[in-house]
Amino acid sequence: MLGRTHQIVGLTAGLATYLSLAPPHYQPATFAAVLVTSHLLALLPDVDQPLTDFWRVIPTGRYLGKVAALFLDHRNLTHSLLGCALVWYGLTFLGNSAPVGWGIDMGLVRAAGMAAYVSHLVADMVTVQGIPLLFPGQRMFGIPPRPFEGVRIITGKWFENLVVFPLSNLAFLVLLALKWEQVKLLLFP
């Protein structure tokens, strides 16, 4: 999938997770942290590519991406269950390091961020290539599995651009519309 598709799918997954778990009271700091974290973690699995959208949103990312690409192959560690575990532990560490005075519920941020990260992996599973879910094993897993892999999506081609991306945007807007009262409570006292 393209970065823009991962962004909207990840934001939708992160926001849906947050809205399903968040208590119904004023939490603008947590809400903002969820949106930022979901955006970044939806792009994080492609950190192994030097010119991806992840590196474009990070200061000096153009240079850091080139360094990361020296150590990581595309669709390996970052597209696996091991990568998920590493991200979970990284978010836990960051959450434990965050100042309490910020008023951010780091448990909610971690849950939403992981939903965004996993959404990237699921989206890449429906592509022709699939992902090495059990890395360091090299077997690629995809949806649908063999012998039906012929219906998987080719990244950046017409089906992603004309069907998947617009439907992902529509799902995001429908989520906001359905949960608008809850979103208003989270943002406005």
C-alpha atoms as a PDB file:
ATOM      1  CA  MET A   1       0.000   0.000   0.000  1.00  0.00           C
ATOM      2  CA  LEU A   2       1.006   3.595  -0.487  1.00  0.00           C
ATOM      3  CA  GLY A   3       1.854   5.852   2.448  1.00  0.00           C
ATOM      4  CA  ARG A   4      -1.329   7.889   2.103  1.00  0.00           C
ATOM      5  CA  THR A   5      -3.433   4.729   2.327  1.00  0.00           C
ATOM      6  CA  HIS A   6      -1.505   3.598   5.402  1.00  0.00           C
ATOM      7  CA  GLN A   7      -2.021   7.046   6.956  1.00  0.00           C
ATOM      8  CA  ILE A   8      -5.803   7.077   6.650  1.00  0.00           C
ATOM      9  CA  VAL A   9      -6.193   3.400   7.576  1.00  0.00           C
ATOM     10  CA  GLY A  10      -3.919   3.893  10.602  1.00  0.00           C
ATOM     11  CA  LEU A  11      -5.680   7.059  11.736  1.00  0.00           C
ATOM     12  CA  THR A  12      -9.021   5.297  11.423  1.00  0.00           C
ATOM     13  CA  ALA A  13      -7.800   2.259  13.374  1.00  0.00           C
ATOM     14  CA  GLY A  14      -6.156   4.393  16.071  1.00  0.00           C
ATOM     15  CA  LEU A  15      -9.146   6.692  16.441  1.00  0.00           C
ATOM     16  CA  ALA A  16     -11.623   3.789  16.520  1.00  0.00           C
ATOM     17  CA  THR A  17      -9.558   2.083  19.226  1.00  0.00           C
ATOM     18  CA  TYR A  18      -9.333   5.273  21.249  1.00  0.00           C
ATOM     19  CA  LEU A  19     -13.041   6.067  20.951  1.00  0.00           C
ATOM     20  CA  SER A  20     -13.979   2.548  22.008  1.00  0.00           C
ATOM     21  CA  LEU A  21     -11.739   2.657  25.108  1.00  0.00           C
ATOM     22  CA  ALA A  22     -11.740   6.325  26.192  1.00  0.00           C
ATOM     23  CA  PRO A  23     -13.870   7.483  29.108  1.00  0.00           C
ATOM     24  CA  PRO A  24     -16.405  10.139  28.053  1.00  0.00           C
ATOM     25  CA  HIS A  25     -14.778  13.246  29.511  1.00  0.00           C
ATOM     26  CA  TYR A  26     -12.535  16.131  28.471  1.00  0.00           C
ATOM     27  CA  GLN A  27      -9.145  14.777  27.272  1.00  0.00           C
ATOM     28  CA  PRO A  28      -7.682  17.021  24.569  1.00  0.00           C
ATOM     29  CA  ALA A  29      -4.045  16.145  25.381  1.00  0.00           C
ATOM     30  CA  THR A  30      -4.685  12.404  25.130  1.00  0.00           C
ATOM     31  CA  PHE A  31      -6.755  12.876  21.973  1.00  0.00           C
ATOM     32  CA  ALA A  32      -3.960  14.877  20.324  1.00  0.00           C
ATOM     33  CA  ALA A  33      -1.341  12.326  21.395  1.00  0.00           C
ATOM     34  CA  VAL A  34      -3.485   9.526  19.931  1.00  0.00           C
ATOM     35  CA  LEU A  35      -3.765  11.302  16.573  1.00  0.00           C
ATOM     36  CA  VAL A  36      -0.021  12.031  16.353  1.00  0.00           C
ATOM     37  CA  THR A  37       0.972   8.550  17.518  1.00  0.00           C
ATOM     38  CA  SER A  38      -1.510   6.855  15.175  1.00  0.00           C
ATOM     39  CA  HIS A  39      -0.214   8.907  12.253  1.00  0.00           C
ATOM     40  CA  LEU A  40       3.434   8.059  12.954  1.00  0.00           C
ATOM     41  CA  LEU A  41       2.918   4.404  13.819  1.00  0.00           C
ATOM     42  CA  ALA A  42       0.774   3.827  10.736  1.00  0.00           C
ATOM     43  CA  LEU A  43       3.874   4.764   8.724  1.00  0.00           C
ATOM     44  CA  LEU A  44       6.545   3.239  10.992  1.00  0.00           C
ATOM     45  CA  PRO A  45       6.719  -0.239   9.401  1.00  0.00           C
ATOM     46  CA  ASP A  46       8.102   1.399   6.257  1.00  0.00           C
ATOM     47  CA  VAL A  47      10.973   2.946   8.221  1.00  0.00           C
ATOM     48  CA  ASP A  48      13.216   0.581   6.240  1.00  0.00           C
ATOM     49  CA  GLN A  49      12.704   2.629   3.069  1.00  0.00           C
ATOM     50  CA  PRO A  50      14.694   5.892   2.907  1.00  0.00           C
ATOM     51  CA  LEU A  51      12.137   7.949   0.948  1.00  0.00           C
ATOM     52  CA  THR A  52       8.847   6.926   2.582  1.00  0.00           C
ATOM     53  CA  ASP A  53       6.298   9.254   4.145  1.00  0.00           C
ATOM     54  CA  PHE A  54       7.557   8.385   7.632  1.00  0.00           C
ATOM     55  CA  TRP A  55      10.892  10.067   6.964  1.00  0.00           C
ATOM     56  CA  ARG A  56       9.191  13.073   5.359  1.00  0.00           C
ATOM     57  CA  VAL A  57       7.359  13.971   8.593  1.00  0.00           C
ATOM     58  CA  ILE A  58      10.445  13.593  10.829  1.00  0.00           C
ATOM     59  CA  PRO A  59      12.949  16.472  11.085  1.00  0.00           C
ATOM     60  CA  THR A  60      16.177  15.468   9.292  1.00  0.00           C
ATOM     61  CA  GLY A  61      14.316  12.342   8.156  1.00  0.00           C
ATOM     62  CA  ARG A  62      15.862  12.527   4.722  1.00  0.00           C
ATOM     63  CA  TYR A  63      19.247  11.681   6.261  1.00  0.00           C
ATOM     64  CA  LEU A  64      18.016   9.319   8.975  1.00  0.00           C
ATOM     65  CA  GLY A  65      16.102   7.304   6.370  1.00  0.00           C
ATOM     66  CA  LYS A  66      19.270   6.660   4.403  1.00  0.00           C
ATOM     67  CA  VAL A  67      21.000   5.409   7.560  1.00  0.00           C
ATOM     68  CA  ALA A  68      18.055   3.162   8.521  1.00  0.00           C
ATOM     69  CA  ALA A  69      17.951   1.662   5.016  1.00  0.00           C
ATOM     70  CA  LEU A  70      21.542   0.460   5.495  1.00  0.00           C
ATOM     71  CA  PHE A  71      20.458  -1.778   8.376  1.00  0.00           C
ATOM     72  CA  LEU A  72      16.929  -2.843   7.430  1.00  0.00           C
ATOM     73  CA  ASP A  73      15.535  -4.681   4.432  1.00  0.00           C
ATOM     74  CA  HIS A  74      12.037  -3.784   3.270  1.00  0.00           C
ATOM     75  CA  ARG A  75       9.244  -5.912   4.699  1.00  0.00           C
ATOM     76  CA  ASN A  76      11.304  -7.812   7.218  1.00  0.00           C
ATOM     77  CA  LEU A  77      11.539  -7.049  10.935  1.00  0.00           C
ATOM     78  CA  THR A  78       9.195  -4.064  10.861  1.00  0.00           C
ATOM     79  CA  HIS A  79       6.471  -6.101   9.123  1.00  0.00           C
ATOM     80  CA  SER A  80       6.408  -8.965  11.629  1.00  0.00           C
ATOM     81  CA  LEU A  81       5.072 -10.012  15.011  1.00  0.00           C
ATOM     82  CA  LEU A  82       8.575  -9.446  16.401  1.00  0.00           C
ATOM     83  CA  GLY A  83       8.389  -5.864  15.132  1.00  0.00           C
ATOM     84  CA  CYS A  84       5.002  -5.471  16.854  1.00  0.00           C
ATOM     85  CA  ALA A  85       6.503  -6.664  20.133  1.00  0.00           C
ATOM     86  CA  LEU A  86       9.417  -4.221  19.822  1.00  0.00           C
ATOM     87  CA  VAL A  87       7.055  -1.320  19.110  1.00  0.00           C
ATOM     88  CA  TRP A  88       4.872  -2.342  22.095  1.00  0.00           C
ATOM     89  CA  TYR A  89       7.892  -2.301  24.409  1.00  0.00           C
ATOM     90  CA  GLY A  90       9.071   1.009  22.937  1.00  0.00           C
ATOM     91  CA  LEU A  91       5.671   2.585  23.534  1.00  0.00           C
ATOM     92  CA  THR A  92       5.611   1.193  27.070  1.00  0.00           C
ATOM     93  CA  PHE A  93       9.038   2.704  27.756  1.00  0.00           C
ATOM     94  CA  LEU A  94       7.998   6.077  26.330  1.00  0.00           C
ATOM     95  CA  GLY A  95       4.742   5.933  28.256  1.00  0.00           C
ATOM     96  CA  ASN A  96       6.546   5.301  31.520  1.00  0.00           C
ATOM     97  CA  SER A  97       8.890   8.194  30.750  1.00  0.00           C
ATOM     98  CA  ALA A  98       6.156  10.739  29.989  1.00  0.00           C
ATOM     99  CA  PRO A  99       5.573  13.386  32.660  1.00  0.00           C
ATOM    100  CA  VAL A 100       2.350  12.855  34.600  1.00  0.00           C
ATOM    101  CA  GLY A 101       1.604  16.582  34.431  1.00  0.00           C
ATOM    102  CA  TRP A 102       0.965  16.383  30.703  1.00  0.00           C
ATOM    103  CA  GLY A 103      -2.404  14.796  31.403  1.00  0.00           C
ATOM    104  CA  ILE A 104      -1.989  12.115  28.751  1.00  0.00           C
ATOM    105  CA  ASP A 105      -3.395   8.633  29.311  1.00  0.00           C
ATOM    106  CA  MET A 106      -0.483   6.682  27.880  1.00  0.00           C
ATOM    107  CA  GLY A 107      -2.385   3.389  28.025  1.00  0.00           C
ATOM    108  CA  LEU A 108      -4.897   4.772  25.539  1.00  0.00           C
ATOM    109  CA  VAL A 109      -2.127   6.216  23.377  1.00  0.00           C
ATOM    110  CA  ARG A 110      -0.300   2.871  23.347  1.00  0.00           C
ATOM    111  CA  ALA A 111      -3.485   0.932  22.421  1.00  0.00           C
ATOM    112  CA  ALA A 112      -4.373   3.348  19.608  1.00  0.00           C
ATOM    113  CA  GLY A 113      -0.778   3.423  18.347  1.00  0.00           C
ATOM    114  CA  MET A 114      -0.588  -0.354  18.224  1.00  0.00           C
ATOM    115  CA  ALA A 115      -3.889  -0.484  16.326  1.00  0.00           C
ATOM    116  CA  ALA A 116      -2.405   1.906  13.771  1.00  0.00           C
ATOM    117  CA  TYR A 117       0.810  -0.128  13.518  1.00  0.00           C
ATOM    118  CA  VAL A 118      -1.066  -3.416  13.083  1.00  0.00           C
ATOM    119  CA  SER A 119      -3.349  -1.799  10.497  1.00  0.00           C
ATOM    120  CA  HIS A 120      -0.245  -1.205   8.352  1.00  0.00           C
ATOM    121  CA  LEU A 121       0.676  -4.880   8.551  1.00  0.00           C
ATOM    122  CA  VAL A 122      -2.848  -6.027   7.713  1.00  0.00           C
ATOM    123  CA  ALA A 123      -3.010  -3.606   4.770  1.00  0.00           C
ATOM    124  CA  ASP A 124       0.297  -4.957   3.437  1.00  0.00           C
ATOM    125  CA  MET A 125      -0.979  -8.507   3.854  1.00  0.00           C
ATOM    126  CA  VAL A 126      -3.620  -7.866   1.195  1.00  0.00           C
ATOM    127  CA  THR A 127      -0.948  -6.889  -1.332  1.00  0.00           C
ATOM    128  CA  VAL A 128       0.599  -9.319  -3.804  1.00  0.00           C
ATOM    129  CA  GLN A 129       3.876  -9.515  -1.846  1.00  0.00           C
ATOM    130  CA  GLY A 130       2.436 -10.161   1.635  1.00  0.00           C
ATOM    131  CA  ILE A 131       4.550  -9.841   4.787  1.00  0.00           C
ATOM    132  CA  PRO A 132       6.996 -12.069   6.739  1.00  0.00           C
ATOM    133  CA  LEU A 133       4.708 -12.291   9.772  1.00  0.00           C
ATOM    134  CA  LEU A 134       6.969 -14.811  11.531  1.00  0.00           C
ATOM    135  CA  PHE A 135      10.278 -13.052  10.832  1.00  0.00           C
ATOM    136  CA  PRO A 136      13.127 -14.134  11.005  1.00  0.00           C
ATOM    137  CA  GLY A 137      11.354 -16.827   9.013  1.00  0.00           C
ATOM    138  CA  GLN A 138      11.153 -15.820   5.354  1.00  0.00           C
ATOM    139  CA  ARG A 139       7.684 -17.197   4.501  1.00  0.00           C
ATOM    140  CA  MET A 140       5.402 -14.416   3.290  1.00  0.00           C
ATOM    141  CA  PHE A 141       1.849 -14.364   4.639  1.00  0.00           C
ATOM    142  CA  GLY A 142      -1.033 -12.726   2.848  1.00  0.00           C
ATOM    143  CA  ILE A 143      -4.780 -12.328   2.787  1.00  0.00           C
ATOM    144  CA  PRO A 144      -6.365 -14.233   1.167  1.00  0.00           C
ATOM    145  CA  PRO A 145      -4.011 -17.186   1.542  1.00  0.00           C
ATOM    146  CA  ARG A 146      -2.971 -19.597  -1.179  1.00  0.00           C
ATOM    147  CA  PRO A 147      -4.435 -20.664  -3.556  1.00  0.00           C
ATOM    148  CA  PHE A 148      -6.477 -17.422  -3.711  1.00  0.00           C
ATOM    149  CA  GLU A 149      -3.571 -14.951  -3.653  1.00  0.00           C
ATOM    150  CA  GLY A 150      -4.391 -13.896  -7.208  1.00  0.00           C
ATOM    151  CA  VAL A 151      -6.997 -11.431  -5.920  1.00  0.00           C
ATOM    152  CA  ARG A 152      -4.550  -9.477  -3.772  1.00  0.00           C
ATOM    153  CA  ILE A 153      -3.893  -5.798  -4.467  1.00  0.00           C
ATOM    154  CA  ILE A 154      -0.925  -4.418  -6.399  1.00  0.00           C
ATOM    155  CA  THR A 155       0.489  -1.445  -4.494  1.00  0.00           C
ATOM    156  CA  GLY A 156      -0.191   1.922  -6.111  1.00  0.00           C
ATOM    157  CA  LYS A 157      -2.313   0.572  -8.942  1.00  0.00           C
ATOM    158  CA  TRP A 158      -5.895   1.405  -9.878  1.00  0.00           C
ATOM    159  CA  PHE A 159      -7.656  -0.718  -7.241  1.00  0.00           C
ATOM    160  CA  GLU A 160      -5.807   0.914  -4.361  1.00  0.00           C
ATOM    161  CA  ASN A 161      -6.213   4.406  -5.838  1.00  0.00           C
ATOM    162  CA  LEU A 162      -9.854   4.152  -6.938  1.00  0.00           C
ATOM    163  CA  VAL A 163     -11.322   1.766  -4.365  1.00  0.00           C
ATOM    164  CA  VAL A 164      -9.215   1.204  -1.241  1.00  0.00           C
ATOM    165  CA  PHE A 165      -8.073   4.786  -0.632  1.00  0.00           C
ATOM    166  CA  PRO A 166     -11.497   6.434  -1.164  1.00  0.00           C
ATOM    167  CA  LEU A 167     -13.252   3.776   0.954  1.00  0.00           C
ATOM    168  CA  SER A 168     -10.653   4.249   3.705  1.00  0.00           C
ATOM    169  CA  ASN A 169     -11.361   7.989   3.727  1.00  0.00           C
ATOM    170  CA  LEU A 170     -15.081   7.303   3.807  1.00  0.00           C
ATOM    171  CA  ALA A 171     -14.631   4.923   6.762  1.00  0.00           C
ATOM    172  CA  PHE A 172     -12.748   7.657   8.641  1.00  0.00           C
ATOM    173  CA  LEU A 173     -15.513  10.194   7.983  1.00  0.00           C
ATOM    174  CA  VAL A 174     -18.236   7.718   8.961  1.00  0.00           C
ATOM    175  CA  LEU A 175     -16.397   6.980  12.211  1.00  0.00           C
ATOM    176  CA  LEU A 176     -16.228  10.702  12.998  1.00  0.00           C
ATOM    177  CA  ALA A 177     -19.905  11.179  12.147  1.00  0.00           C
ATOM    178  CA  LEU A 178     -21.031   8.233  14.254  1.00  0.00           C
ATOM    179  CA  LYS A 179     -18.905   9.236  17.229  1.00  0.00           C
ATOM    180  CA  TRP A 180     -19.186  13.035  16.868  1.00  0.00           C
ATOM    181  CA  GLU A 181     -20.872  13.533  20.256  1.00  0.00           C
ATOM    182  CA  GLN A 182     -18.070  11.616  21.955  1.00  0.00           C
ATOM    183  CA  VAL A 183     -15.407  13.560  20.039  1.00  0.00           C
ATOM    184  CA  LYS A 184     -17.009  16.853  21.100  1.00  0.00           C
ATOM    185  CA  LEU A 185     -16.900  15.743  24.760  1.00  0.00           C
ATOM    186  CA  LEU A 186     -13.215  14.872  24.424  1.00  0.00           C
ATOM    187  CA  LEU A 187     -12.312  18.251  22.956  1.00  0.00           C
ATOM    188  CA  PHE A 188     -14.662  20.815  24.421  1.00  0.00           C
ATOM    189  CA  PRO A 189     -15.544  21.132  28.130  1.00  0.00           C
END
